N, C-alpha and C. Protein backbone atom coordinates (compact mmCIF):
# COMPACT_ATOMS: atom_id res chain seq x y z
N MET A 1 44.29 106.02 35.85
CA MET A 1 44.03 105.16 36.98
C MET A 1 42.65 104.54 36.80
N SER A 2 42.53 103.27 37.13
CA SER A 2 41.27 102.57 36.98
C SER A 2 40.32 102.89 38.12
N ALA A 3 39.10 102.38 37.99
CA ALA A 3 38.10 102.59 39.03
C ALA A 3 38.58 101.93 40.32
N PHE A 4 38.05 102.42 41.42
CA PHE A 4 38.47 101.91 42.72
C PHE A 4 38.02 100.47 42.91
N ALA A 5 38.96 99.63 43.31
CA ALA A 5 38.65 98.25 43.65
C ALA A 5 38.82 98.12 45.16
N PRO A 6 37.82 97.60 45.85
CA PRO A 6 37.95 97.47 47.30
C PRO A 6 39.17 96.65 47.69
N VAL A 7 39.75 97.00 48.81
CA VAL A 7 40.92 96.30 49.32
C VAL A 7 40.46 94.98 49.93
N THR A 8 41.18 93.93 49.61
CA THR A 8 40.81 92.61 50.12
C THR A 8 41.39 92.38 51.52
N ASP A 9 40.89 91.37 52.18
CA ASP A 9 41.41 91.01 53.50
C ASP A 9 42.89 90.63 53.41
N ALA A 10 43.26 89.94 52.34
CA ALA A 10 44.66 89.54 52.16
C ALA A 10 45.55 90.77 51.99
N GLU A 11 45.07 91.76 51.25
CA GLU A 11 45.85 92.99 51.07
C GLU A 11 45.99 93.74 52.40
N LEU A 12 44.92 93.78 53.17
CA LEU A 12 44.99 94.43 54.49
C LEU A 12 45.99 93.73 55.40
N ALA A 13 45.97 92.40 55.38
CA ALA A 13 46.91 91.64 56.20
C ALA A 13 48.34 91.92 55.79
N GLN A 14 48.58 91.97 54.49
CA GLN A 14 49.93 92.26 54.00
C GLN A 14 50.34 93.68 54.37
N ALA A 15 49.42 94.62 54.26
CA ALA A 15 49.71 96.02 54.58
C ALA A 15 50.07 96.20 56.06
N ARG A 16 49.48 95.39 56.92
CA ARG A 16 49.78 95.48 58.35
C ARG A 16 51.22 95.05 58.65
N CYS A 17 51.74 94.15 57.83
CA CYS A 17 53.08 93.60 58.06
C CYS A 17 54.15 94.26 57.20
N ASP A 18 53.76 94.90 56.13
CA ASP A 18 54.73 95.41 55.15
C ASP A 18 54.50 96.91 54.93
N PRO A 19 55.35 97.76 55.54
CA PRO A 19 55.16 99.21 55.42
C PRO A 19 55.22 99.72 53.97
N LEU A 20 56.05 99.11 53.14
CA LEU A 20 56.13 99.55 51.74
C LEU A 20 54.84 99.24 51.00
N TYR A 21 54.28 98.08 51.27
CA TYR A 21 53.01 97.72 50.64
C TYR A 21 51.89 98.62 51.13
N ARG A 22 51.89 98.92 52.44
CA ARG A 22 50.88 99.83 53.01
C ARG A 22 50.95 101.18 52.32
N ARG A 23 52.17 101.69 52.14
CA ARG A 23 52.34 102.99 51.47
C ARG A 23 51.82 102.93 50.03
N LYS A 24 52.11 101.82 49.34
CA LYS A 24 51.63 101.66 47.96
C LYS A 24 50.11 101.70 47.92
N LEU A 25 49.45 100.99 48.84
CA LEU A 25 47.98 101.00 48.88
C LEU A 25 47.45 102.41 49.15
N LEU A 26 48.07 103.11 50.08
CA LEU A 26 47.65 104.48 50.39
C LEU A 26 47.82 105.39 49.17
N GLU A 27 48.96 105.27 48.49
CA GLU A 27 49.20 106.11 47.32
C GLU A 27 48.21 105.82 46.21
N GLU A 28 47.93 104.54 45.98
CA GLU A 28 46.95 104.19 44.94
C GLU A 28 45.56 104.71 45.30
N SER A 29 45.20 104.60 46.55
CA SER A 29 43.89 105.11 46.99
C SER A 29 43.81 106.62 46.83
N LEU A 30 44.90 107.30 47.14
CA LEU A 30 44.93 108.76 46.98
C LEU A 30 44.77 109.15 45.52
N GLU A 31 45.44 108.44 44.62
CA GLU A 31 45.33 108.74 43.19
C GLU A 31 43.90 108.57 42.70
N VAL A 32 43.25 107.49 43.12
CA VAL A 32 41.87 107.24 42.71
C VAL A 32 40.95 108.33 43.26
N LEU A 33 41.17 108.68 44.51
CA LEU A 33 40.36 109.71 45.16
C LEU A 33 40.53 111.07 44.48
N LEU A 34 41.76 111.42 44.16
CA LEU A 34 42.00 112.71 43.49
C LEU A 34 41.36 112.74 42.11
N ALA A 35 41.38 111.62 41.40
CA ALA A 35 40.72 111.55 40.10
C ALA A 35 39.22 111.76 40.25
N ALA A 36 38.64 111.19 41.29
CA ALA A 36 37.21 111.36 41.55
C ALA A 36 36.89 112.81 41.89
N VAL A 37 37.75 113.44 42.68
CA VAL A 37 37.56 114.86 43.02
C VAL A 37 37.62 115.70 41.74
N GLN A 38 38.53 115.38 40.86
CA GLN A 38 38.64 116.12 39.61
C GLN A 38 37.35 115.98 38.78
N ARG A 39 36.79 114.75 38.74
CA ARG A 39 35.53 114.56 38.01
C ARG A 39 34.41 115.37 38.65
N LEU A 40 34.33 115.36 39.98
CA LEU A 40 33.31 116.16 40.67
C LEU A 40 33.50 117.64 40.37
N ARG A 41 34.75 118.06 40.39
CA ARG A 41 35.05 119.47 40.14
C ARG A 41 34.64 119.88 38.72
N SER A 42 34.86 119.00 37.76
CA SER A 42 34.48 119.27 36.38
C SER A 42 32.98 119.40 36.23
N ALA A 43 32.24 118.67 37.06
CA ALA A 43 30.78 118.73 37.01
C ALA A 43 30.26 120.00 37.66
N ALA A 44 31.11 120.71 38.39
CA ALA A 44 30.77 121.98 39.05
C ALA A 44 29.46 121.89 39.82
N PRO A 45 29.46 121.12 40.91
CA PRO A 45 28.22 121.00 41.69
C PRO A 45 27.83 122.32 42.34
N ALA A 46 26.54 122.51 42.50
CA ALA A 46 26.04 123.71 43.18
C ALA A 46 26.52 123.68 44.63
N PRO A 47 26.76 124.84 45.22
CA PRO A 47 27.30 124.88 46.60
C PRO A 47 26.49 124.12 47.63
N ASP A 48 25.18 124.04 47.48
CA ASP A 48 24.34 123.38 48.47
C ASP A 48 23.96 121.95 48.08
N SER A 49 24.56 121.41 47.03
CA SER A 49 24.17 120.10 46.53
C SER A 49 24.91 118.98 47.26
N SER A 50 24.43 117.75 47.06
CA SER A 50 25.11 116.61 47.66
C SER A 50 26.47 116.40 47.01
N GLY A 51 26.61 116.78 45.74
CA GLY A 51 27.91 116.69 45.06
C GLY A 51 28.94 117.58 45.72
N SER A 52 28.53 118.73 46.17
CA SER A 52 29.42 119.64 46.87
C SER A 52 29.86 119.05 48.20
N LYS A 53 28.92 118.43 48.89
CA LYS A 53 29.24 117.77 50.17
C LYS A 53 30.21 116.62 49.94
N GLN A 54 29.97 115.84 48.90
CA GLN A 54 30.86 114.73 48.57
C GLN A 54 32.26 115.23 48.26
N MET A 55 32.34 116.35 47.55
CA MET A 55 33.65 116.91 47.22
C MET A 55 34.40 117.31 48.48
N ARG A 56 33.72 117.97 49.41
CA ARG A 56 34.36 118.36 50.67
C ARG A 56 34.86 117.14 51.44
N GLU A 57 34.02 116.11 51.51
CA GLU A 57 34.41 114.89 52.22
C GLU A 57 35.59 114.22 51.54
N ALA A 58 35.58 114.18 50.21
CA ALA A 58 36.68 113.57 49.46
C ALA A 58 37.98 114.33 49.68
N ILE A 59 37.90 115.64 49.71
CA ILE A 59 39.10 116.45 49.93
C ILE A 59 39.64 116.23 51.34
N GLU A 60 38.75 116.15 52.32
CA GLU A 60 39.20 115.87 53.69
C GLU A 60 39.88 114.51 53.77
N LEU A 61 39.32 113.52 53.10
CA LEU A 61 39.92 112.19 53.08
C LEU A 61 41.26 112.22 52.35
N ALA A 62 41.35 112.96 51.25
CA ALA A 62 42.60 113.06 50.51
C ALA A 62 43.70 113.67 51.38
N VAL A 63 43.35 114.67 52.14
CA VAL A 63 44.33 115.30 53.05
C VAL A 63 44.80 114.28 54.08
N ARG A 64 43.86 113.51 54.64
CA ARG A 64 44.23 112.51 55.64
C ARG A 64 45.12 111.42 55.03
N LEU A 65 44.80 110.97 53.83
CA LEU A 65 45.64 109.98 53.16
C LEU A 65 47.05 110.54 52.92
N ALA A 66 47.13 111.79 52.48
CA ALA A 66 48.44 112.40 52.25
C ALA A 66 49.23 112.49 53.55
N GLU A 67 48.55 112.79 54.65
CA GLU A 67 49.23 112.84 55.95
C GLU A 67 49.77 111.47 56.33
N LEU A 68 48.96 110.42 56.12
CA LEU A 68 49.41 109.07 56.43
C LEU A 68 50.63 108.68 55.60
N ILE A 69 50.61 109.05 54.34
CA ILE A 69 51.73 108.74 53.45
C ILE A 69 52.98 109.48 53.93
N GLN A 70 52.84 110.75 54.28
CA GLN A 70 53.99 111.53 54.74
C GLN A 70 54.54 111.02 56.07
N GLU A 71 53.65 110.54 56.94
CA GLU A 71 54.07 110.03 58.24
C GLU A 71 54.77 108.69 58.13
N GLY A 72 54.61 108.05 56.97
CA GLY A 72 55.20 106.73 56.80
C GLY A 72 54.40 105.64 57.47
N THR A 73 53.12 105.92 57.71
CA THR A 73 52.25 104.97 58.38
C THR A 73 51.88 103.84 57.46
């Protein structure tokens, strides 16, 4: 998966009208996020470091994205 590219206004507009496209965007975002978590995990950040905080935040976001995908949102 390539580096994260910000979602454009046109993509957001399409996602609001097209549930399949919205799901595709969510799934792609989740894949990119999980790849980033894996890179952070490989770096083994210290428990009190900013990398550790970023990993926790990324995991929370990944869970929320997965919930949105499962809900069909």
